[in-house]
């Protein structure tokens, strides 16, 4: 993904962030809490 972005190409990382990142995705929990949506 990072290589694609460095070359000026939209990456899967960017596309998934646009489609799936929301405020209710808990980024503070590194372990234990399972929140599988996809």
ModelCIF file with pLDDT and N, C-alpha, C, O atoms, coordinates in Angstrom:
data_MODEL
#
_entry.id   MODEL 
#
_entity.id                         1 
_entity.type                       polymer 
_entity.pdbx_number_of_molecules   1 
#
_entity_poly.entity_id                      1 
_entity_poly.type                           'polypeptide(L)' 
_entity_poly.nstd_linkage                   no 
_entity_poly.nstd_monomer                   no 
_entity_poly.pdbx_seq_one_letter_code       
;(UNK)(UNK)(UNK)(UNK)(UNK)(UNK)(UNK)(UNK)(UNK)(UNK)(UNK)(UNK)(UNK)(UNK)(UNK)(UNK)
(UNK)(UNK)(UNK)(UNK)(UNK)(UNK)(UNK)(UNK)(UNK)(UNK)(UNK)(UNK)(UNK)(UNK)(UNK)(UNK)
(UNK)(UNK)(UNK)(UNK)(UNK)(UNK)
;
_entity_poly.pdbx_seq_one_letter_code_can   XXXXXXXXXXXXXXXXXXXXXXXXXXXXXXXXXXXXXX 
_entity_poly.pdbx_strand_id                 A 
#
loop_
_entity_poly_seq.entity_id 
_entity_poly_seq.num 
_entity_poly_seq.mon_id 
_entity_poly_seq.hetero 
1 1  UNK n 
1 2  UNK n 
1 3  UNK n 
1 4  UNK n 
1 5  UNK n 
1 6  UNK n 
1 7  UNK n 
1 8  UNK n 
1 9  UNK n 
1 10 UNK n 
1 11 UNK n 
1 12 UNK n 
1 13 UNK n 
1 14 UNK n 
1 15 UNK n 
1 16 UNK n 
1 17 UNK n 
1 18 UNK n 
1 19 UNK n 
1 20 UNK n 
1 21 UNK n 
1 22 UNK n 
1 23 UNK n 
1 24 UNK n 
1 25 UNK n 
1 26 UNK n 
1 27 UNK n 
1 28 UNK n 
1 29 UNK n 
1 30 UNK n 
1 31 UNK n 
1 32 UNK n 
1 33 UNK n 
1 34 UNK n 
1 35 UNK n 
1 36 UNK n 
1 37 UNK n 
1 38 UNK n 
#
_struct_asym.id          A 
_struct_asym.entity_id   1 
#
loop_
_ma_qa_metric.id 
_ma_qa_metric.mode 
_ma_qa_metric.name 
_ma_qa_metric.software_group_id 
_ma_qa_metric.type 
1 global pLDDT . pLDDT 
2 local  pLDDT . pLDDT 
#
_ma_qa_metric_global.metric_id      1 
_ma_qa_metric_global.metric_value   84.71 
_ma_qa_metric_global.model_id       1 
_ma_qa_metric_global.ordinal_id     1 
#
loop_
_ma_qa_metric_local.label_asym_id 
_ma_qa_metric_local.label_comp_id 
_ma_qa_metric_local.label_seq_id 
_ma_qa_metric_local.metric_id 
_ma_qa_metric_local.metric_value 
_ma_qa_metric_local.model_id 
_ma_qa_metric_local.ordinal_id 
A UNK 1  2 91.00 1 1  
A UNK 2  2 91.00 1 2  
A UNK 3  2 89.00 1 3  
A UNK 4  2 88.00 1 4  
A UNK 5  2 88.00 1 5  
A UNK 6  2 90.00 1 6  
A UNK 7  2 82.00 1 7  
A UNK 8  2 86.00 1 8  
A UNK 9  2 82.00 1 9  
A UNK 10 2 87.00 1 10 
A UNK 11 2 90.00 1 11 
A UNK 12 2 91.00 1 12 
A UNK 13 2 92.00 1 13 
A UNK 14 2 92.00 1 14 
A UNK 15 2 91.00 1 15 
A UNK 16 2 93.00 1 16 
A UNK 17 2 93.00 1 17 
A UNK 18 2 92.00 1 18 
A UNK 19 2 91.00 1 19 
A UNK 20 2 91.00 1 20 
A UNK 21 2 91.00 1 21 
A UNK 22 2 84.00 1 22 
A UNK 23 2 80.00 1 23 
A UNK 24 2 79.00 1 24 
A UNK 25 2 80.00 1 25 
A UNK 26 2 74.00 1 26 
A UNK 27 2 77.00 1 27 
A UNK 28 2 72.00 1 28 
A UNK 29 2 64.00 1 29 
A UNK 30 2 68.00 1 30 
A UNK 31 2 63.00 1 31 
A UNK 32 2 69.00 1 32 
A UNK 33 2 76.00 1 33 
A UNK 34 2 83.00 1 34 
A UNK 35 2 87.00 1 35 
A UNK 36 2 92.00 1 36 
A UNK 37 2 94.00 1 37 
A UNK 38 2 96.00 1 38 
#
loop_
_atom_site.group_PDB 
_atom_site.id 
_atom_site.type_symbol 
_atom_site.label_atom_id 
_atom_site.label_alt_id 
_atom_site.label_comp_id 
_atom_site.label_asym_id 
_atom_site.label_entity_id 
_atom_site.label_seq_id 
_atom_site.pdbx_PDB_ins_code 
_atom_site.Cartn_x 
_atom_site.Cartn_y 
_atom_site.Cartn_z 
_atom_site.occupancy 
_atom_site.B_iso_or_equiv 
_atom_site.pdbx_formal_charge 
_atom_site.auth_seq_id 
_atom_site.auth_comp_id 
_atom_site.auth_asym_id 
_atom_site.auth_atom_id 
_atom_site.pdbx_PDB_model_num 
ATOM 1   N N  . UNK A 1 1  ? 0.829   -1.212 0.000  1.00 91.00 ? 1  UNK A N  1 
ATOM 2   C CA . UNK A 1 1  ? 0.000   0.000  0.000  1.00 91.00 ? 1  UNK A CA 1 
ATOM 3   C C  . UNK A 1 1  ? 0.861   1.258  0.000  1.00 91.00 ? 1  UNK A C  1 
ATOM 4   O O  . UNK A 1 1  ? 0.600   2.202  -0.746 1.00 91.00 ? 1  UNK A O  1 
ATOM 5   N N  . UNK A 1 2  ? 1.885   1.260  0.842  1.00 91.00 ? 2  UNK A N  1 
ATOM 6   C CA . UNK A 1 2  ? 2.719   2.457  0.939  1.00 91.00 ? 2  UNK A CA 1 
ATOM 7   C C  . UNK A 1 2  ? 3.496   2.701  -0.358 1.00 91.00 ? 2  UNK A C  1 
ATOM 8   O O  . UNK A 1 2  ? 3.721   3.851  -0.737 1.00 91.00 ? 2  UNK A O  1 
ATOM 9   N N  . UNK A 1 3  ? 3.901   1.640  -1.030 1.00 89.00 ? 3  UNK A N  1 
ATOM 10  C CA . UNK A 1 3  ? 4.590   1.786  -2.317 1.00 89.00 ? 3  UNK A CA 1 
ATOM 11  C C  . UNK A 1 3  ? 3.659   2.390  -3.363 1.00 89.00 ? 3  UNK A C  1 
ATOM 12  O O  . UNK A 1 3  ? 4.065   3.237  -4.159 1.00 89.00 ? 3  UNK A O  1 
ATOM 13  N N  . UNK A 1 4  ? 2.410   1.943  -3.350 1.00 88.00 ? 4  UNK A N  1 
ATOM 14  C CA . UNK A 1 4  ? 1.423   2.500  -4.286 1.00 88.00 ? 4  UNK A CA 1 
ATOM 15  C C  . UNK A 1 4  ? 1.211   3.988  -4.020 1.00 88.00 ? 4  UNK A C  1 
ATOM 16  O O  . UNK A 1 4  ? 1.147   4.788  -4.953 1.00 88.00 ? 4  UNK A O  1 
ATOM 17  N N  . UNK A 1 5  ? 1.103   4.350  -2.750 1.00 88.00 ? 5  UNK A N  1 
ATOM 18  C CA . UNK A 1 5  ? 0.887   5.752  -2.397 1.00 88.00 ? 5  UNK A CA 1 
ATOM 19  C C  . UNK A 1 5  ? 2.095   6.614  -2.760 1.00 88.00 ? 5  UNK A C  1 
ATOM 20  O O  . UNK A 1 5  ? 1.940   7.743  -3.225 1.00 88.00 ? 5  UNK A O  1 
ATOM 21  N N  . UNK A 1 6  ? 3.308   6.075  -2.545 1.00 90.00 ? 6  UNK A N  1 
ATOM 22  C CA . UNK A 1 6  ? 4.524   6.811  -2.901 1.00 90.00 ? 6  UNK A CA 1 
ATOM 23  C C  . UNK A 1 6  ? 4.597   7.069  -4.400 1.00 90.00 ? 6  UNK A C  1 
ATOM 24  O O  . UNK A 1 6  ? 5.216   8.035  -4.848 1.00 90.00 ? 6  UNK A O  1 
ATOM 25  N N  . UNK A 1 7  ? 3.950   6.183  -5.174 1.00 82.00 ? 7  UNK A N  1 
ATOM 26  C CA . UNK A 1 7  ? 3.934   6.341  -6.636 1.00 82.00 ? 7  UNK A CA 1 
ATOM 27  C C  . UNK A 1 7  ? 2.755   7.182  -7.107 1.00 82.00 ? 7  UNK A C  1 
ATOM 28  O O  . UNK A 1 7  ? 2.557   7.360  -8.308 1.00 82.00 ? 7  UNK A O  1 
ATOM 29  N N  . UNK A 1 8  ? 1.974   7.698  -6.163 1.00 86.00 ? 8  UNK A N  1 
ATOM 30  C CA . UNK A 1 8  ? 0.838   8.546  -6.521 1.00 86.00 ? 8  UNK A CA 1 
ATOM 31  C C  . UNK A 1 8  ? -0.431  7.800  -6.831 1.00 86.00 ? 8  UNK A C  1 
ATOM 32  O O  . UNK A 1 8  ? -1.371  8.378  -7.377 1.00 86.00 ? 8  UNK A O  1 
ATOM 33  N N  . UNK A 1 9  ? -0.481  6.495  -6.487 1.00 82.00 ? 9  UNK A N  1 
ATOM 34  C CA . UNK A 1 9  ? -1.658  5.666  -6.758 1.00 82.00 ? 9  UNK A CA 1 
ATOM 35  C C  . UNK A 1 9  ? -2.464  5.503  -5.470 1.00 82.00 ? 9  UNK A C  1 
ATOM 36  O O  . UNK A 1 9  ? -1.897  5.296  -4.397 1.00 82.00 ? 9  UNK A O  1 
ATOM 37  N N  . UNK A 1 10 ? -3.783  5.598  -5.583 1.00 87.00 ? 10 UNK A N  1 
ATOM 38  C CA . UNK A 1 10 ? -4.638  5.392  -4.415 1.00 87.00 ? 10 UNK A CA 1 
ATOM 39  C C  . UNK A 1 10 ? -4.543  3.944  -3.967 1.00 87.00 ? 10 UNK A C  1 
ATOM 40  O O  . UNK A 1 10 ? -4.738  3.031  -4.769 1.00 87.00 ? 10 UNK A O  1 
ATOM 41  N N  . UNK A 1 11 ? -4.248  3.728  -2.698 1.00 90.00 ? 11 UNK A N  1 
ATOM 42  C CA . UNK A 1 11 ? -4.016  2.382  -2.185 1.00 90.00 ? 11 UNK A CA 1 
ATOM 43  C C  . UNK A 1 11 ? -5.269  1.781  -1.554 1.00 90.00 ? 11 UNK A C  1 
ATOM 44  O O  . UNK A 1 11 ? -6.268  2.464  -1.328 1.00 90.00 ? 11 UNK A O  1 
ATOM 45  N N  . UNK A 1 12 ? -5.182  0.481  -1.277 1.00 91.00 ? 12 UNK A N  1 
ATOM 46  C CA . UNK A 1 12 ? -6.271  -0.191 -0.559 1.00 91.00 ? 12 UNK A CA 1 
ATOM 47  C C  . UNK A 1 12 ? -6.429  0.398  0.837  1.00 91.00 ? 12 UNK A C  1 
ATOM 48  O O  . UNK A 1 12 ? -7.549  0.530  1.332  1.00 91.00 ? 12 UNK A O  1 
ATOM 49  N N  . UNK A 1 13 ? -5.317  0.753  1.473  1.00 92.00 ? 13 UNK A N  1 
ATOM 50  C CA . UNK A 1 13 ? -5.381  1.370  2.806  1.00 92.00 ? 13 UNK A CA 1 
ATOM 51  C C  . UNK A 1 13 ? -6.280  2.606  2.782  1.00 92.00 ? 13 UNK A C  1 
ATOM 52  O O  . UNK A 1 13 ? -7.149  2.770  3.639  1.00 92.00 ? 13 UNK A O  1 
ATOM 53  N N  . UNK A 1 14 ? -6.062  3.462  1.804  1.00 92.00 ? 14 UNK A N  1 
ATOM 54  C CA . UNK A 1 14 ? -6.857  4.680  1.709  1.00 92.00 ? 14 UNK A CA 1 
ATOM 55  C C  . UNK A 1 14 ? -8.319  4.377  1.406  1.00 92.00 ? 14 UNK A C  1 
ATOM 56  O O  . UNK A 1 14 ? -9.220  5.003  1.965  1.00 92.00 ? 14 UNK A O  1 
ATOM 57  N N  . UNK A 1 15 ? -8.549  3.416  0.520  1.00 91.00 ? 15 UNK A N  1 
ATOM 58  C CA . UNK A 1 15 ? -9.931  3.057  0.167  1.00 91.00 ? 15 UNK A CA 1 
ATOM 59  C C  . UNK A 1 15 ? -10.667 2.456  1.354  1.00 91.00 ? 15 UNK A C  1 
ATOM 60  O O  . UNK A 1 15 ? -11.824 2.792  1.606  1.00 91.00 ? 15 UNK A O  1 
ATOM 61  N N  . UNK A 1 16 ? -9.997  1.561  2.089  1.00 93.00 ? 16 UNK A N  1 
ATOM 62  C CA . UNK A 1 16 ? -10.643 0.950  3.252  1.00 93.00 ? 16 UNK A CA 1 
ATOM 63  C C  . UNK A 1 16 ? -10.895 1.980  4.352  1.00 93.00 ? 16 UNK A C  1 
ATOM 64  O O  . UNK A 1 16 ? -11.920 1.924  5.032  1.00 93.00 ? 16 UNK A O  1 
ATOM 65  N N  . UNK A 1 17 ? -9.979  2.906  4.527  1.00 93.00 ? 17 UNK A N  1 
ATOM 66  C CA . UNK A 1 17 ? -10.215 3.960  5.529  1.00 93.00 ? 17 UNK A CA 1 
ATOM 67  C C  . UNK A 1 17 ? -11.448 4.782  5.167  1.00 93.00 ? 17 UNK A C  1 
ATOM 68  O O  . UNK A 1 17 ? -12.251 5.121  6.036  1.00 93.00 ? 17 UNK A O  1 
ATOM 69  N N  . UNK A 1 18 ? -11.594 5.102  3.882  1.00 92.00 ? 18 UNK A N  1 
ATOM 70  C CA . UNK A 1 18 ? -12.766 5.866  3.442  1.00 92.00 ? 18 UNK A CA 1 
ATOM 71  C C  . UNK A 1 18 ? -14.053 5.089  3.669  1.00 92.00 ? 18 UNK A C  1 
ATOM 72  O O  . UNK A 1 18 ? -15.072 5.660  4.059  1.00 92.00 ? 18 UNK A O  1 
ATOM 73  N N  . UNK A 1 19 ? -14.000 3.776  3.422  1.00 91.00 ? 19 UNK A N  1 
ATOM 74  C CA . UNK A 1 19 ? -15.219 2.978  3.505  1.00 91.00 ? 19 UNK A CA 1 
ATOM 75  C C  . UNK A 1 19 ? -15.572 2.479  4.890  1.00 91.00 ? 19 UNK A C  1 
ATOM 76  O O  . UNK A 1 19 ? -16.740 2.223  5.180  1.00 91.00 ? 19 UNK A O  1 
ATOM 77  N N  . UNK A 1 20 ? -14.552 2.336  5.765  1.00 91.00 ? 20 UNK A N  1 
ATOM 78  C CA . UNK A 1 20 ? -14.802 1.648  7.024  1.00 91.00 ? 20 UNK A CA 1 
ATOM 79  C C  . UNK A 1 20 ? -14.476 2.444  8.284  1.00 91.00 ? 20 UNK A C  1 
ATOM 80  O O  . UNK A 1 20 ? -14.942 2.092  9.367  1.00 91.00 ? 20 UNK A O  1 
ATOM 81  N N  . UNK A 1 21 ? -13.680 3.517  8.162  1.00 91.00 ? 21 UNK A N  1 
ATOM 82  C CA . UNK A 1 21 ? -13.362 4.249  9.387  1.00 91.00 ? 21 UNK A CA 1 
ATOM 83  C C  . UNK A 1 21 ? -14.562 5.076  9.842  1.00 91.00 ? 21 UNK A C  1 
ATOM 84  O O  . UNK A 1 21 ? -15.111 5.879  9.088  1.00 91.00 ? 21 UNK A O  1 
ATOM 85  N N  . UNK A 1 22 ? -14.949 4.857  11.091 1.00 84.00 ? 22 UNK A N  1 
ATOM 86  C CA . UNK A 1 22 ? -16.017 5.640  11.706 1.00 84.00 ? 22 UNK A CA 1 
ATOM 87  C C  . UNK A 1 22 ? -15.617 5.947  13.143 1.00 84.00 ? 22 UNK A C  1 
ATOM 88  O O  . UNK A 1 22 ? -14.722 5.308  13.695 1.00 84.00 ? 22 UNK A O  1 
ATOM 89  N N  . UNK A 1 23 ? -16.276 6.914  13.738 1.00 80.00 ? 23 UNK A N  1 
ATOM 90  C CA . UNK A 1 23 ? -15.928 7.336  15.095 1.00 80.00 ? 23 UNK A CA 1 
ATOM 91  C C  . UNK A 1 23 ? -16.141 6.224  16.118 1.00 80.00 ? 23 UNK A C  1 
ATOM 92  O O  . UNK A 1 23 ? -15.507 6.224  17.173 1.00 80.00 ? 23 UNK A O  1 
ATOM 93  N N  . UNK A 1 24 ? -17.034 5.269  15.812 1.00 79.00 ? 24 UNK A N  1 
ATOM 94  C CA . UNK A 1 24 ? -17.307 4.222  16.804 1.00 79.00 ? 24 UNK A CA 1 
ATOM 95  C C  . UNK A 1 24 ? -16.330 3.052  16.725 1.00 79.00 ? 24 UNK A C  1 
ATOM 96  O O  . UNK A 1 24 ? -16.460 2.092  17.484 1.00 79.00 ? 24 UNK A O  1 
ATOM 97  N N  . UNK A 1 25 ? -15.345 3.118  15.812 1.00 80.00 ? 25 UNK A N  1 
ATOM 98  C CA . UNK A 1 25 ? -14.288 2.115  15.799 1.00 80.00 ? 25 UNK A CA 1 
ATOM 99  C C  . UNK A 1 25 ? -13.319 2.471  16.921 1.00 80.00 ? 25 UNK A C  1 
ATOM 100 O O  . UNK A 1 25 ? -12.684 3.525  16.890 1.00 80.00 ? 25 UNK A O  1 
ATOM 101 N N  . UNK A 1 26 ? -13.209 1.593  17.907 1.00 74.00 ? 26 UNK A N  1 
ATOM 102 C CA . UNK A 1 26 ? -12.421 1.883  19.106 1.00 74.00 ? 26 UNK A CA 1 
ATOM 103 C C  . UNK A 1 26 ? -10.937 1.625  18.836 1.00 74.00 ? 26 UNK A C  1 
ATOM 104 O O  . UNK A 1 26 ? -10.510 0.476  18.723 1.00 74.00 ? 26 UNK A O  1 
ATOM 105 N N  . UNK A 1 27 ? -10.165 2.693  18.735 1.00 77.00 ? 27 UNK A N  1 
ATOM 106 C CA . UNK A 1 27 ? -8.734  2.578  18.467 1.00 77.00 ? 27 UNK A CA 1 
ATOM 107 C C  . UNK A 1 27 ? -7.907  2.499  19.742 1.00 77.00 ? 27 UNK A C  1 
ATOM 108 O O  . UNK A 1 27 ? -6.694  2.295  19.686 1.00 77.00 ? 27 UNK A O  1 
ATOM 109 N N  . UNK A 1 28 ? -8.548  2.657  20.878 1.00 72.00 ? 28 UNK A N  1 
ATOM 110 C CA . UNK A 1 28 ? -7.807  2.645  22.148 1.00 72.00 ? 28 UNK A CA 1 
ATOM 111 C C  . UNK A 1 28 ? -7.576  1.236  22.668 1.00 72.00 ? 28 UNK A C  1 
ATOM 112 O O  . UNK A 1 28 ? -6.717  1.016  23.522 1.00 72.00 ? 28 UNK A O  1 
ATOM 113 N N  . UNK A 1 29 ? -8.347  0.278  22.150 1.00 64.00 ? 29 UNK A N  1 
ATOM 114 C CA . UNK A 1 29 ? -8.246  -1.097 22.635 1.00 64.00 ? 29 UNK A CA 1 
ATOM 115 C C  . UNK A 1 29 ? -7.360  -1.903 21.690 1.00 64.00 ? 29 UNK A C  1 
ATOM 116 O O  . UNK A 1 29 ? -7.758  -2.206 20.565 1.00 64.00 ? 29 UNK A O  1 
ATOM 117 N N  . UNK A 1 30 ? -6.167  -2.246 22.147 1.00 68.00 ? 30 UNK A N  1 
ATOM 118 C CA . UNK A 1 30 ? -5.223  -2.997 21.331 1.00 68.00 ? 30 UNK A CA 1 
ATOM 119 C C  . UNK A 1 30 ? -5.507  -4.488 21.405 1.00 68.00 ? 30 UNK A C  1 
ATOM 120 O O  . UNK A 1 30 ? -5.268  -5.214 20.440 1.00 68.00 ? 30 UNK A O  1 
ATOM 121 N N  . UNK A 1 31 ? -6.018  -4.952 22.546 1.00 63.00 ? 31 UNK A N  1 
ATOM 122 C CA . UNK A 1 31 ? -6.309  -6.367 22.744 1.00 63.00 ? 31 UNK A CA 1 
ATOM 123 C C  . UNK A 1 31 ? -7.698  -6.551 23.353 1.00 63.00 ? 31 UNK A C  1 
ATOM 124 O O  . UNK A 1 31 ? -8.373  -5.599 23.741 1.00 63.00 ? 31 UNK A O  1 
ATOM 125 N N  . UNK A 1 32 ? -8.087  -7.821 23.416 1.00 69.00 ? 32 UNK A N  1 
ATOM 126 C CA . UNK A 1 32 ? -9.276  -8.290 24.148 1.00 69.00 ? 32 UNK A CA 1 
ATOM 127 C C  . UNK A 1 32 ? -10.601 -7.968 23.453 1.00 69.00 ? 32 UNK A C  1 
ATOM 128 O O  . UNK A 1 32 ? -11.326 -8.886 23.070 1.00 69.00 ? 32 UNK A O  1 
ATOM 129 N N  . UNK A 1 33 ? -10.929 -6.696 23.283 1.00 76.00 ? 33 UNK A N  1 
ATOM 130 C CA . UNK A 1 33 ? -12.226 -6.360 22.711 1.00 76.00 ? 33 UNK A CA 1 
ATOM 131 C C  . UNK A 1 33 ? -12.270 -6.729 21.227 1.00 76.00 ? 33 UNK A C  1 
ATOM 132 O O  . UNK A 1 33 ? -11.522 -6.176 20.421 1.00 76.00 ? 33 UNK A O  1 
ATOM 133 N N  . UNK A 1 34 ? -13.148 -7.665 20.877 1.00 83.00 ? 34 UNK A N  1 
ATOM 134 C CA . UNK A 1 34 ? -13.267 -8.104 19.483 1.00 83.00 ? 34 UNK A CA 1 
ATOM 135 C C  . UNK A 1 34 ? -14.425 -7.361 18.822 1.00 83.00 ? 34 UNK A C  1 
ATOM 136 O O  . UNK A 1 34 ? -15.573 -7.447 19.258 1.00 83.00 ? 34 UNK A O  1 
ATOM 137 N N  . UNK A 1 35 ? -14.097 -6.639 17.775 1.00 87.00 ? 35 UNK A N  1 
ATOM 138 C CA . UNK A 1 35 ? -15.104 -5.836 17.076 1.00 87.00 ? 35 UNK A CA 1 
ATOM 139 C C  . UNK A 1 35 ? -14.952 -6.056 15.572 1.00 87.00 ? 35 UNK A C  1 
ATOM 140 O O  . UNK A 1 35 ? -14.662 -5.122 14.824 1.00 87.00 ? 35 UNK A O  1 
ATOM 141 N N  . UNK A 1 36 ? -15.154 -7.308 15.136 1.00 92.00 ? 36 UNK A N  1 
ATOM 142 C CA . UNK A 1 36 ? -14.967 -7.656 13.723 1.00 92.00 ? 36 UNK A CA 1 
ATOM 143 C C  . UNK A 1 36 ? -16.216 -7.284 12.937 1.00 92.00 ? 36 UNK A C  1 
ATOM 144 O O  . UNK A 1 36 ? -17.299 -7.811 13.191 1.00 92.00 ? 36 UNK A O  1 
ATOM 145 N N  . UNK A 1 37 ? -16.059 -6.382 11.991 1.00 94.00 ? 37 UNK A N  1 
ATOM 146 C CA . UNK A 1 37 ? -17.193 -5.920 11.180 1.00 94.00 ? 37 UNK A CA 1 
ATOM 147 C C  . UNK A 1 37 ? -17.133 -6.433 9.740  1.00 94.00 ? 37 UNK A C  1 
ATOM 148 O O  . UNK A 1 37 ? -18.158 -6.559 9.069  1.00 94.00 ? 37 UNK A O  1 
ATOM 149 N N  . UNK A 1 38 ? -15.917 -6.727 9.281  1.00 96.00 ? 38 UNK A N  1 
ATOM 150 C CA . UNK A 1 38 ? -15.734 -7.134 7.888  1.00 96.00 ? 38 UNK A CA 1 
ATOM 151 C C  . UNK A 1 38 ? -14.842 -8.375 7.847  1.00 96.00 ? 38 UNK A C  1 
ATOM 152 O O  . UNK A 1 38 ? -14.554 -8.893 6.769  1.00 96.00 ? 38 UNK A O  1 
#
